Structures are given as structure tokens and as C-alpha cells.
Amino acid sequence: MLYFKIINLGIVLLMFYSCNSRNKETSTKSLPKTQNSSSTEKIHPGKMIYMQFCLACHMENGQGVPGLYPPLVQTDYILGEKKRLIQTVLHGMEGPIEVNGIQYNNVMAKLDYLRDQQIADVLTYIRANFGNNAEAITATDVNMVRSAGAN
């Protein structure tokens, strides 16, 4: 009787092993080959700045928080004049504004401690994402506005 149990156990293990190794072969063959699977996708430098300084208020999708923080999607502030947008980031904003027909009255802290290139990167990222399609902002654009002061 013990002899039959050992043989049955051996057959079960053999079947398990053969099925398992066949599944590994099949699953490996069906996986698409990538050119360089160890490389990571390069993240836009403006996205990293957005995630650090803007995401908490304007949200991951740029929709903002209704009544608190305005959206960055298809707004005149984002798609409009570069100078006003740069000034908003450099000097912050306080007081009532209307964005896409909705009133907002909150404080946006100034980010004047960011370098010109960082501000250019984040604004270019915003103007090219969230359904926006506007011209890039350069570090030179930011420097010109910064040099002009708070006017």
C-alpha cells in the first residue's frame, strides 16, 4: 500500500513539474521583447517641479479644486500672455479672480526662489499638458519678467 502512495505522489509531482515548466515556456514566449527593458522613461523636468510645488492645489490632472484652486486646463491664465503667467508664479497671487466663469479667492504663494529654468520648465509643462497646447516659456522669458520686478 505504501508503495502505491509513493508512486502516486511521484506521478503527481511529475505532472506538476511538467505543467509548470511548460507554462513558464509559454508565458516567456508570449511576452513582447523590448529594446532596452532596463531603461526608464525620461520625465519632463517641469513635471517634477509641478509634482513638488503645484500638484497639491491644482491636482494631478490640472483640474484644481472647485471654489478653492483654479484649474490649469484651457484657461486664459495658462494659454494667454506669458508675462502674466510668469508674474503669477514669481510674485504669487491673492484676492478674487475668475477662471472659466468660476470665482476663486485664495492665496497662491510666490515661487520666486525657483531658478528661471525651473519656472520655465514647469510653465512649459503646464502649457503643453492637461489638454493645453501653447508656446513654450524660456528661461530668458522668465529672466526678463523677474528683472522687470513686480509690475
C-alpha atoms as a PDB file:
ATOM      1  CA  MET A   1       0.000   0.000   0.000  1.00  0.00           C
ATOM      2  CA  LEU A   2       2.844   2.401   0.849  1.00  0.00           C
ATOM      3  CA  TYR A   3       4.394   1.503  -2.491  1.00  0.00           C
ATOM      4  CA  PHE A   4       1.294   2.782  -4.390  1.00  0.00           C
ATOM      5  CA  LYS A   5       1.196   6.036  -2.383  1.00  0.00           C
ATOM      6  CA  ILE A   6       4.824   6.754  -3.250  1.00  0.00           C
ATOM      7  CA  ILE A   7       4.195   6.029  -6.940  1.00  0.00           C
ATOM      8  CA  ASN A   8       1.059   8.248  -6.959  1.00  0.00           C
ATOM      9  CA  LEU A   9       2.979  11.048  -5.246  1.00  0.00           C
ATOM     10  CA  GLY A  10       5.740  10.668  -7.843  1.00  0.00           C
ATOM     11  CA  ILE A  11       3.232  10.867 -10.706  1.00  0.00           C
ATOM     12  CA  VAL A  12       1.561  13.965  -9.218  1.00  0.00           C
ATOM     13  CA  LEU A  13       4.928  15.689  -8.774  1.00  0.00           C
ATOM     14  CA  LEU A  14       5.970  14.754 -12.310  1.00  0.00           C
ATOM     15  CA  MET A  15       2.716  16.145 -13.750  1.00  0.00           C
ATOM     16  CA  PHE A  16       3.023  19.315 -11.671  1.00  0.00           C
ATOM     17  CA  TYR A  17       6.620  19.848 -12.749  1.00  0.00           C
ATOM     18  CA  SER A  18       5.935  19.244 -16.440  1.00  0.00           C
ATOM     19  CA  CYS A  19       2.882  21.526 -16.469  1.00  0.00           C
ATOM     20  CA  ASN A  20       4.682  24.235 -14.544  1.00  0.00           C
ATOM     21  CA  SER A  21       7.753  24.222 -16.819  1.00  0.00           C
ATOM     22  CA  ARG A  22       5.528  24.268 -19.928  1.00  0.00           C
ATOM     23  CA  ASN A  23       3.616  27.300 -18.570  1.00  0.00           C
ATOM     24  CA  LYS A  24       6.898  29.132 -17.967  1.00  0.00           C
ATOM     25  CA  GLU A  25       7.985  28.464 -21.554  1.00  0.00           C
ATOM     26  CA  THR A  26       4.650  29.617 -22.951  1.00  0.00           C
ATOM     27  CA  SER A  27       4.443  32.731 -20.817  1.00  0.00           C
ATOM     28  CA  THR A  28       8.029  33.695 -21.633  1.00  0.00           C
ATOM     29  CA  LYS A  29       7.454  33.232 -25.352  1.00  0.00           C
ATOM     30  CA  SER A  30       4.303  35.341 -25.308  1.00  0.00           C
ATOM     31  CA  LEU A  31       5.931  38.326 -23.623  1.00  0.00           C
ATOM     32  CA  PRO A  32       6.813  41.130 -26.021  1.00  0.00           C
ATOM     33  CA  LYS A  33      10.503  41.871 -26.354  1.00  0.00           C
ATOM     34  CA  THR A  34      11.641  45.375 -25.537  1.00  0.00           C
ATOM     35  CA  GLN A  35      14.762  47.004 -26.877  1.00  0.00           C
ATOM     36  CA  ASN A  36      16.064  48.057 -23.513  1.00  0.00           C
ATOM     37  CA  SER A  37      13.905  46.966 -20.617  1.00  0.00           C
ATOM     38  CA  SER A  38      16.297  48.430 -18.046  1.00  0.00           C
ATOM     39  CA  SER A  39      15.934  51.996 -19.314  1.00  0.00           C
ATOM     40  CA  THR A  40      13.431  54.241 -17.597  1.00  0.00           C
ATOM     41  CA  GLU A  41      11.171  56.708 -19.318  1.00  0.00           C
ATOM     42  CA  LYS A  42      12.572  60.235 -19.037  1.00  0.00           C
ATOM     43  CA  ILE A  43      10.277  62.555 -17.101  1.00  0.00           C
ATOM     44  CA  HIS A  44       9.899  66.163 -18.226  1.00  0.00           C
ATOM     45  CA  PRO A  45      11.731  68.372 -15.688  1.00  0.00           C
ATOM     46  CA  GLY A  46       8.655  70.590 -15.484  1.00  0.00           C
ATOM     47  CA  LYS A  47       6.546  67.644 -14.380  1.00  0.00           C
ATOM     48  CA  MET A  48       8.836  67.001 -11.441  1.00  0.00           C
ATOM     49  CA  ILE A  49       8.540  70.648 -10.371  1.00  0.00           C
ATOM     50  CA  TYR A  50       4.767  70.524 -10.894  1.00  0.00           C
ATOM     51  CA  MET A  51       4.524  67.455  -8.683  1.00  0.00           C
ATOM     52  CA  GLN A  52       6.556  69.145  -5.953  1.00  0.00           C
ATOM     53  CA  PHE A  53       5.022  72.628  -5.937  1.00  0.00           C
ATOM     54  CA  CYS A  54       1.704  72.666  -7.835  1.00  0.00           C
ATOM     55  CA  LEU A  55       0.031  69.283  -7.537  1.00  0.00           C
ATOM     56  CA  ALA A  56      -1.344  69.750  -4.013  1.00  0.00           C
ATOM     57  CA  CYS A  57      -3.577  72.629  -5.134  1.00  0.00           C
ATOM     58  CA  HIS A  58      -4.074  72.144  -8.869  1.00  0.00           C
ATOM     59  CA  MET A  59      -4.306  68.323  -8.678  1.00  0.00           C
ATOM     60  CA  GLU A  60      -2.659  65.652 -10.799  1.00  0.00           C
ATOM     61  CA  ASN A  61      -4.927  66.338 -13.782  1.00  0.00           C
ATOM     62  CA  GLY A  62      -4.701  70.141 -13.571  1.00  0.00           C
ATOM     63  CA  GLN A  63      -8.408  70.460 -12.730  1.00  0.00           C
ATOM     64  CA  GLY A  64      -7.801  72.320  -9.462  1.00  0.00           C
ATOM     65  CA  VAL A  65     -10.295  72.228  -6.598  1.00  0.00           C
ATOM     66  CA  PRO A  66     -13.645  73.900  -7.349  1.00  0.00           C
ATOM     67  CA  GLY A  67     -14.059  77.077  -5.351  1.00  0.00           C
ATOM     68  CA  LEU A  68     -10.565  76.852  -3.867  1.00  0.00           C
ATOM     69  CA  TYR A  69      -7.871  76.461  -6.508  1.00  0.00           C
ATOM     70  CA  PRO A  70      -8.452  77.231 -10.179  1.00  0.00           C
ATOM     71  CA  PRO A  71      -7.923  74.737 -12.976  1.00  0.00           C
ATOM     72  CA  LEU A  72      -4.952  74.891 -15.317  1.00  0.00           C
ATOM     73  CA  VAL A  73      -6.923  73.342 -18.175  1.00  0.00           C
ATOM     74  CA  GLN A  74      -7.791  75.550 -21.130  1.00  0.00           C
ATOM     75  CA  THR A  75      -7.752  78.817 -19.177  1.00  0.00           C
ATOM     76  CA  ASP A  76      -6.788  82.278 -20.318  1.00  0.00           C
ATOM     77  CA  TYR A  77      -4.245  82.430 -17.497  1.00  0.00           C
ATOM     78  CA  ILE A  78      -2.388  79.419 -18.894  1.00  0.00           C
ATOM     79  CA  LEU A  79      -2.887  79.906 -22.623  1.00  0.00           C
ATOM     80  CA  GLY A  80      -2.760  83.691 -22.599  1.00  0.00           C
ATOM     81  CA  GLU A  81       0.016  86.212 -22.094  1.00  0.00           C
ATOM     82  CA  LYS A  82       3.293  84.656 -20.922  1.00  0.00           C
ATOM     83  CA  LYS A  83       4.238  87.681 -18.827  1.00  0.00           C
ATOM     84  CA  ARG A  84       1.122  87.478 -16.623  1.00  0.00           C
ATOM     85  CA  LEU A  85       1.646  83.748 -16.069  1.00  0.00           C
ATOM     86  CA  ILE A  86       5.312  84.209 -15.163  1.00  0.00           C
ATOM     87  CA  GLN A  87       4.425  87.075 -12.801  1.00  0.00           C
ATOM     88  CA  THR A  88       1.858  84.868 -11.087  1.00  0.00           C
ATOM     89  CA  VAL A  89       4.481  82.224 -10.363  1.00  0.00           C
ATOM     90  CA  LEU A  90       7.174  84.719  -9.360  1.00  0.00           C
ATOM     91  CA  HIS A  91       5.046  87.003  -7.199  1.00  0.00           C
ATOM     92  CA  GLY A  92       2.130  84.796  -6.198  1.00  0.00           C
ATOM     93  CA  MET A  93      -1.486  85.870  -6.263  1.00  0.00           C
ATOM     94  CA  GLU A  94      -4.015  86.972  -3.698  1.00  0.00           C
ATOM     95  CA  GLY A  95      -7.570  88.181  -3.988  1.00  0.00           C
ATOM     96  CA  PRO A  96     -10.557  87.299  -6.115  1.00  0.00           C
ATOM     97  CA  ILE A  97     -10.126  86.069  -9.673  1.00  0.00           C
ATOM     98  CA  GLU A  98     -12.490  84.491 -12.165  1.00  0.00           C
ATOM     99  CA  VAL A  99     -11.334  81.462 -14.147  1.00  0.00           C
ATOM    100  CA  ASN A 100     -13.598  79.844 -16.712  1.00  0.00           C
ATOM    101  CA  GLY A 101     -16.608  81.621 -15.200  1.00  0.00           C
ATOM    102  CA  ILE A 102     -15.943  80.485 -11.604  1.00  0.00           C
ATOM    103  CA  GLN A 103     -14.807  82.796  -8.801  1.00  0.00           C
ATOM    104  CA  TYR A 104     -11.736  81.925  -6.731  1.00  0.00           C
ATOM    105  CA  ASN A 105     -10.384  83.824  -3.772  1.00  0.00           C
ATOM    106  CA  ASN A 106      -7.402  82.079  -2.297  1.00  0.00           C
ATOM    107  CA  VAL A 107      -3.685  82.697  -1.948  1.00  0.00           C
ATOM    108  CA  MET A 108      -1.041  81.351  -4.281  1.00  0.00           C
ATOM    109  CA  ALA A 109       2.372  81.568  -2.690  1.00  0.00           C
ATOM    110  CA  LYS A 110       5.138  83.186  -4.658  1.00  0.00           C
ATOM    111  CA  LEU A 111       7.757  80.833  -6.035  1.00  0.00           C
ATOM    112  CA  ASP A 112      10.446  83.421  -6.710  1.00  0.00           C
ATOM    113  CA  TYR A 113      13.059  81.184  -5.073  1.00  0.00           C
ATOM    114  CA  LEU A 114      12.868  78.823  -8.084  1.00  0.00           C
ATOM    115  CA  ARG A 115      15.513  79.371 -10.763  1.00  0.00           C
ATOM    116  CA  ASP A 116      14.491  80.863 -14.099  1.00  0.00           C
ATOM    117  CA  GLN A 117      14.926  77.498 -15.832  1.00  0.00           C
ATOM    118  CA  GLN A 118      12.750  75.732 -13.242  1.00  0.00           C
ATOM    119  CA  ILE A 119       9.928  78.226 -13.731  1.00  0.00           C
ATOM    120  CA  ALA A 120      10.274  77.971 -17.495  1.00  0.00           C
ATOM    121  CA  ASP A 121      10.166  74.169 -17.265  1.00  0.00           C
ATOM    122  CA  VAL A 122       7.067  73.987 -15.087  1.00  0.00           C
ATOM    123  CA  LEU A 123       5.158  76.580 -17.098  1.00  0.00           C
ATOM    124  CA  THR A 124       6.114  74.909 -20.370  1.00  0.00           C
ATOM    125  CA  TYR A 125       4.951  71.590 -18.930  1.00  0.00           C
ATOM    126  CA  ILE A 126       1.598  73.073 -17.898  1.00  0.00           C
ATOM    127  CA  ARG A 127       1.131  74.859 -21.237  1.00  0.00           C
ATOM    128  CA  ALA A 128       1.774  71.594 -23.115  1.00  0.00           C
ATOM    129  CA  ASN A 129      -0.299  69.239 -20.909  1.00  0.00           C
ATOM    130  CA  PHE A 130      -3.770  68.917 -19.421  1.00  0.00           C
ATOM    131  CA  GLY A 131      -5.256  69.480 -22.874  1.00  0.00           C
ATOM    132  CA  ASN A 132      -3.300  72.715 -23.339  1.00  0.00           C
ATOM    133  CA  ASN A 133      -1.273  73.474 -26.434  1.00  0.00           C
ATOM    134  CA  ALA A 134       0.614  76.731 -26.038  1.00  0.00           C
ATOM    135  CA  GLU A 135       4.083  78.002 -26.851  1.00  0.00           C
ATOM    136  CA  ALA A 136       6.951  77.106 -24.536  1.00  0.00           C
ATOM    137  CA  ILE A 137       8.300  79.559 -21.994  1.00  0.00           C
ATOM    138  CA  THR A 138      12.059  80.012 -21.856  1.00  0.00           C
ATOM    139  CA  ALA A 139      14.405  80.877 -19.024  1.00  0.00           C
ATOM    140  CA  THR A 140      15.085  84.136 -20.888  1.00  0.00           C
ATOM    141  CA  ASP A 141      11.333  84.958 -20.770  1.00  0.00           C
ATOM    142  CA  VAL A 142      11.339  84.364 -17.014  1.00  0.00           C
ATOM    143  CA  ASN A 143      14.524  86.375 -16.501  1.00  0.00           C
ATOM    144  CA  MET A 144      13.062  89.356 -18.370  1.00  0.00           C
ATOM    145  CA  VAL A 145       9.945  89.349 -16.160  1.00  0.00           C
ATOM    146  CA  ARG A 146      11.974  88.796 -12.986  1.00  0.00           C
ATOM    147  CA  SER A 147      14.310  91.700 -13.898  1.00  0.00           C
ATOM    148  CA  ALA A 148      11.337  93.997 -14.501  1.00  0.00           C
ATOM    149  CA  GLY A 149      10.108  93.477 -10.916  1.00  0.00           C
ATOM    150  CA  ALA A 150       6.576  93.109  -9.600  1.00  0.00           C
ATOM    151  CA  ASN A 151       4.942  95.435 -12.141  1.00  0.00           C
END
